[in-house]
N, C-alpha and C. Protein backbone atom coordinates (compact mmCIF):
# COMPACT_ATOMS: atom_id res chain seq x y z
N UNK A 1 -70.21 -57.00 -100.88
CA UNK A 1 -70.92 -55.86 -100.33
C UNK A 1 -72.15 -55.61 -101.21
N UNK A 2 -73.37 -55.50 -100.49
CA UNK A 2 -74.65 -55.34 -101.22
C UNK A 2 -74.98 -53.82 -101.32
N UNK A 3 -75.14 -53.21 -102.42
CA UNK A 3 -75.51 -51.77 -102.69
C UNK A 3 -76.90 -51.75 -103.44
N UNK A 4 -77.80 -51.09 -102.92
CA UNK A 4 -79.05 -50.80 -103.53
C UNK A 4 -79.05 -49.53 -104.50
N UNK A 5 -79.36 -49.79 -105.70
CA UNK A 5 -79.55 -48.80 -106.54
C UNK A 5 -80.91 -48.43 -107.00
N UNK A 6 -81.91 -48.91 -106.25
CA UNK A 6 -83.27 -48.77 -106.59
C UNK A 6 -83.59 -47.12 -106.58
N UNK A 7 -84.53 -46.89 -107.55
CA UNK A 7 -84.81 -45.46 -107.75
C UNK A 7 -83.66 -44.64 -108.28
N UNK A 8 -82.68 -45.34 -108.87
CA UNK A 8 -81.55 -44.67 -109.48
C UNK A 8 -81.50 -45.13 -110.95
N UNK A 9 -80.72 -44.30 -111.90
CA UNK A 9 -80.75 -44.72 -113.18
C UNK A 9 -79.35 -44.69 -113.61
N UNK A 10 -78.93 -45.47 -114.68
CA UNK A 10 -77.49 -45.47 -115.14
C UNK A 10 -77.56 -45.57 -116.67
N UNK A 11 -76.68 -44.87 -117.26
CA UNK A 11 -76.49 -44.89 -118.70
C UNK A 11 -74.96 -45.54 -118.88
N UNK A 12 -75.04 -46.71 -119.51
CA UNK A 12 -73.74 -47.42 -119.78
C UNK A 12 -73.42 -47.39 -121.26
N UNK A 13 -72.33 -46.57 -121.62
CA UNK A 13 -71.82 -46.71 -123.08
C UNK A 13 -70.96 -47.97 -123.18
N UNK A 14 -70.92 -48.37 -124.51
CA UNK A 14 -70.28 -49.75 -124.70
C UNK A 14 -70.83 -50.87 -123.95
N UNK A 15 -72.13 -50.80 -123.77
CA UNK A 15 -72.71 -51.79 -122.84
C UNK A 15 -73.33 -53.03 -123.50
N UNK A 16 -72.95 -53.29 -124.70
CA UNK A 16 -73.54 -54.42 -125.33
C UNK A 16 -72.65 -55.73 -125.20
N UNK A 17 -71.43 -55.58 -124.77
CA UNK A 17 -70.45 -56.63 -124.57
C UNK A 17 -69.28 -56.20 -123.66
N UNK A 18 -68.59 -57.24 -123.24
CA UNK A 18 -67.34 -57.12 -122.37
C UNK A 18 -67.61 -56.48 -121.22
N UNK A 19 -66.74 -55.41 -120.83
CA UNK A 19 -66.82 -54.98 -119.33
C UNK A 19 -68.12 -53.94 -119.36
N UNK A 20 -68.53 -53.32 -120.42
CA UNK A 20 -69.84 -52.46 -120.37
C UNK A 20 -70.92 -53.31 -120.12
N UNK A 21 -71.02 -54.41 -120.70
CA UNK A 21 -72.10 -55.44 -120.50
C UNK A 21 -72.23 -55.73 -118.88
N UNK A 22 -71.02 -56.06 -118.41
CA UNK A 22 -70.89 -56.57 -117.11
C UNK A 22 -71.38 -55.45 -116.14
N UNK A 23 -70.82 -54.32 -116.37
CA UNK A 23 -71.24 -53.15 -115.57
C UNK A 23 -72.77 -52.87 -115.58
N UNK A 24 -73.35 -52.89 -116.92
CA UNK A 24 -74.76 -52.86 -117.00
C UNK A 24 -75.48 -53.88 -116.31
N UNK A 25 -75.22 -54.99 -116.34
CA UNK A 25 -75.84 -56.14 -115.65
C UNK A 25 -75.68 -55.93 -114.14
N UNK A 26 -74.53 -55.57 -113.71
CA UNK A 26 -74.52 -55.29 -112.26
C UNK A 26 -75.32 -54.24 -111.72
N UNK A 27 -75.25 -53.10 -112.50
CA UNK A 27 -76.25 -51.95 -112.08
C UNK A 27 -77.64 -52.47 -112.06
N UNK A 28 -78.12 -53.19 -112.95
CA UNK A 28 -79.59 -53.77 -113.03
C UNK A 28 -79.82 -54.66 -111.81
N UNK A 29 -78.64 -55.54 -111.61
CA UNK A 29 -78.99 -56.45 -110.35
C UNK A 29 -78.97 -55.79 -109.20
N UNK A 30 -78.51 -54.62 -109.01
CA UNK A 30 -78.61 -53.83 -107.88
C UNK A 30 -79.75 -52.98 -107.73
N UNK A 31 -80.58 -53.04 -108.73
CA UNK A 31 -81.85 -52.08 -108.95
C UNK A 31 -82.13 -50.99 -109.60
N UNK A 32 -80.96 -50.61 -110.29
CA UNK A 32 -80.99 -49.48 -111.06
C UNK A 32 -81.79 -49.67 -112.51
N UNK A 33 -82.32 -48.71 -112.86
CA UNK A 33 -83.01 -48.79 -114.31
C UNK A 33 -81.51 -48.37 -115.20
N UNK A 34 -81.55 -49.17 -116.30
CA UNK A 34 -80.21 -48.97 -117.03
C UNK A 34 -80.54 -48.82 -118.52
N UNK A 35 -79.96 -47.70 -119.06
CA UNK A 35 -79.96 -47.52 -120.66
C UNK A 35 -78.49 -47.93 -121.07
N UNK A 36 -78.51 -48.98 -121.92
CA UNK A 36 -77.41 -49.56 -122.51
C UNK A 36 -77.18 -48.79 -123.90
N UNK A 37 -76.06 -48.18 -124.07
CA UNK A 37 -75.72 -47.64 -125.36
C UNK A 37 -74.69 -48.43 -126.03
N UNK A 38 -74.82 -48.51 -127.35
CA UNK A 38 -73.97 -49.26 -128.28
C UNK A 38 -74.14 -48.90 -129.70
N UNK A 39 -73.17 -48.91 -130.45
CA UNK A 39 -73.24 -48.65 -131.80
C UNK A 39 -73.94 -49.76 -132.78
N UNK A 40 -73.89 -50.97 -132.46
CA UNK A 40 -74.38 -51.91 -133.36
C UNK A 40 -75.75 -52.63 -132.66
N UNK A 41 -76.77 -52.81 -133.56
CA UNK A 41 -78.17 -53.01 -133.12
C UNK A 41 -78.16 -54.32 -132.50
N UNK A 42 -77.74 -55.46 -133.30
CA UNK A 42 -78.03 -56.84 -132.75
C UNK A 42 -77.30 -57.24 -131.37
N UNK A 43 -76.08 -56.90 -131.23
CA UNK A 43 -75.55 -57.13 -129.85
C UNK A 43 -76.21 -56.22 -128.80
N UNK A 44 -76.78 -55.01 -129.15
CA UNK A 44 -77.47 -54.34 -128.19
C UNK A 44 -78.73 -55.03 -127.85
N UNK A 45 -79.53 -55.51 -128.63
CA UNK A 45 -80.79 -56.16 -128.51
C UNK A 45 -80.42 -57.47 -127.65
N UNK A 46 -79.53 -58.12 -127.84
CA UNK A 46 -79.17 -59.49 -127.07
C UNK A 46 -78.84 -58.93 -125.68
N UNK A 47 -78.05 -57.92 -125.44
CA UNK A 47 -77.55 -57.40 -124.17
C UNK A 47 -78.90 -57.12 -123.32
N UNK A 48 -79.72 -56.26 -123.89
CA UNK A 48 -80.98 -55.82 -123.30
C UNK A 48 -81.84 -57.00 -122.92
N UNK A 49 -82.00 -57.94 -123.75
CA UNK A 49 -82.87 -59.22 -123.49
C UNK A 49 -82.22 -59.96 -122.34
N UNK A 50 -80.95 -60.10 -122.32
CA UNK A 50 -80.22 -60.98 -121.31
C UNK A 50 -80.40 -60.31 -120.01
N UNK A 51 -80.21 -58.94 -119.90
CA UNK A 51 -80.30 -58.40 -118.53
C UNK A 51 -81.91 -58.42 -118.19
N UNK A 52 -82.80 -58.12 -118.97
CA UNK A 52 -84.17 -58.19 -118.66
C UNK A 52 -84.52 -59.41 -118.05
N UNK A 53 -84.06 -60.64 -118.72
CA UNK A 53 -84.42 -61.95 -118.21
C UNK A 53 -83.87 -62.14 -116.82
N UNK A 54 -82.74 -61.63 -116.41
CA UNK A 54 -82.19 -61.92 -115.15
C UNK A 54 -82.41 -60.93 -114.02
N UNK A 55 -83.05 -59.77 -114.41
CA UNK A 55 -83.29 -58.81 -113.23
C UNK A 55 -84.70 -58.38 -113.46
N UNK A 56 -85.08 -57.50 -112.45
CA UNK A 56 -86.53 -56.99 -112.38
C UNK A 56 -86.41 -55.46 -112.74
N UNK A 57 -85.20 -54.85 -113.08
CA UNK A 57 -85.00 -53.56 -113.50
C UNK A 57 -85.57 -53.27 -114.78
N UNK A 58 -85.73 -51.97 -115.15
CA UNK A 58 -86.05 -51.52 -116.38
C UNK A 58 -84.85 -51.32 -117.31
N UNK A 59 -84.68 -51.87 -118.40
CA UNK A 59 -83.59 -51.79 -119.21
C UNK A 59 -84.06 -51.52 -120.78
N UNK A 60 -83.34 -50.45 -121.26
CA UNK A 60 -83.51 -50.07 -122.48
C UNK A 60 -82.16 -50.11 -123.40
N UNK A 61 -82.30 -50.25 -124.62
CA UNK A 61 -81.18 -50.21 -125.47
C UNK A 61 -81.27 -48.81 -126.34
N UNK A 62 -80.19 -48.23 -126.46
CA UNK A 62 -80.10 -47.05 -127.24
C UNK A 62 -78.92 -47.22 -128.22
N UNK A 63 -79.15 -47.26 -129.60
CA UNK A 63 -78.12 -47.31 -130.54
C UNK A 63 -77.72 -45.95 -130.84
N UNK A 64 -76.39 -45.60 -130.64
CA UNK A 64 -75.82 -44.41 -130.80
C UNK A 64 -74.23 -44.53 -130.86
N UNK A 65 -73.65 -43.59 -131.42
CA UNK A 65 -72.28 -43.51 -131.49
C UNK A 65 -71.75 -42.41 -130.69
N UNK A 66 -71.39 -42.61 -129.56
CA UNK A 66 -71.09 -41.24 -128.79
C UNK A 66 -69.84 -40.54 -129.09
N UNK A 67 -69.13 -41.14 -130.17
CA UNK A 67 -68.04 -40.36 -130.64
C UNK A 67 -68.44 -39.30 -131.58
N UNK A 68 -69.69 -39.43 -132.02
CA UNK A 68 -70.30 -38.35 -133.05
C UNK A 68 -71.12 -37.40 -132.03
N UNK A 69 -70.81 -36.22 -132.05
CA UNK A 69 -71.48 -35.08 -131.40
C UNK A 69 -72.98 -35.19 -131.21
N UNK A 70 -73.60 -35.39 -132.49
CA UNK A 70 -75.09 -35.26 -132.65
C UNK A 70 -75.68 -36.58 -131.89
N UNK A 71 -74.92 -37.61 -131.53
CA UNK A 71 -75.52 -38.86 -130.87
C UNK A 71 -75.41 -38.69 -129.48
N UNK A 72 -74.80 -37.79 -128.88
CA UNK A 72 -74.64 -37.81 -127.39
C UNK A 72 -75.83 -37.59 -126.49
N UNK A 73 -76.86 -36.60 -127.03
CA UNK A 73 -77.93 -36.44 -126.28
C UNK A 73 -78.97 -37.49 -126.43
N UNK A 74 -78.82 -38.44 -127.48
CA UNK A 74 -79.89 -39.54 -127.64
C UNK A 74 -79.96 -40.44 -126.44
N UNK A 75 -79.06 -40.94 -125.88
CA UNK A 75 -79.25 -41.75 -124.61
C UNK A 75 -80.06 -41.10 -123.58
N UNK A 76 -79.61 -39.87 -123.28
CA UNK A 76 -80.28 -39.31 -122.31
C UNK A 76 -81.73 -38.90 -122.47
N UNK A 77 -81.87 -38.48 -123.74
CA UNK A 77 -83.40 -38.16 -124.17
C UNK A 77 -84.20 -39.45 -124.27
N UNK A 78 -83.61 -40.44 -124.58
CA UNK A 78 -84.37 -41.87 -124.65
C UNK A 78 -84.80 -42.30 -123.22
N UNK A 79 -83.65 -42.28 -122.34
CA UNK A 79 -83.97 -42.75 -121.01
C UNK A 79 -84.94 -41.93 -120.29
N UNK A 80 -84.80 -40.48 -120.44
CA UNK A 80 -85.76 -39.62 -119.83
C UNK A 80 -87.25 -39.93 -120.33
N UNK A 81 -87.33 -39.98 -121.55
CA UNK A 81 -88.76 -40.14 -122.06
C UNK A 81 -89.28 -41.47 -121.65
N UNK A 82 -88.55 -42.57 -121.54
CA UNK A 82 -89.14 -43.95 -121.17
C UNK A 82 -89.34 -43.93 -119.67
N UNK A 83 -88.52 -43.41 -118.67
CA UNK A 83 -88.76 -43.63 -117.45
C UNK A 83 -89.45 -42.47 -116.63
N UNK A 84 -89.80 -41.21 -117.36
CA UNK A 84 -90.52 -40.21 -116.60
C UNK A 84 -91.94 -40.24 -117.10
């Protein structure tokens, strides 16, 4: 089933590897703008690069630990500032 997510945005936590990366890649392949959130910088950069190469969607990486209260607003703020 083909679902278009164009003009939509997704924030995927744990998106630099495993299931999170697969979800982020699928959202991007369906046309969504994607903010990938992860704690570690290098895997995050690699994930963003890989998805950008394979899709036309806008993809950003946000390094944050969502288990820490002060980090929770960072992904939303970063994606809003980038896409608006």
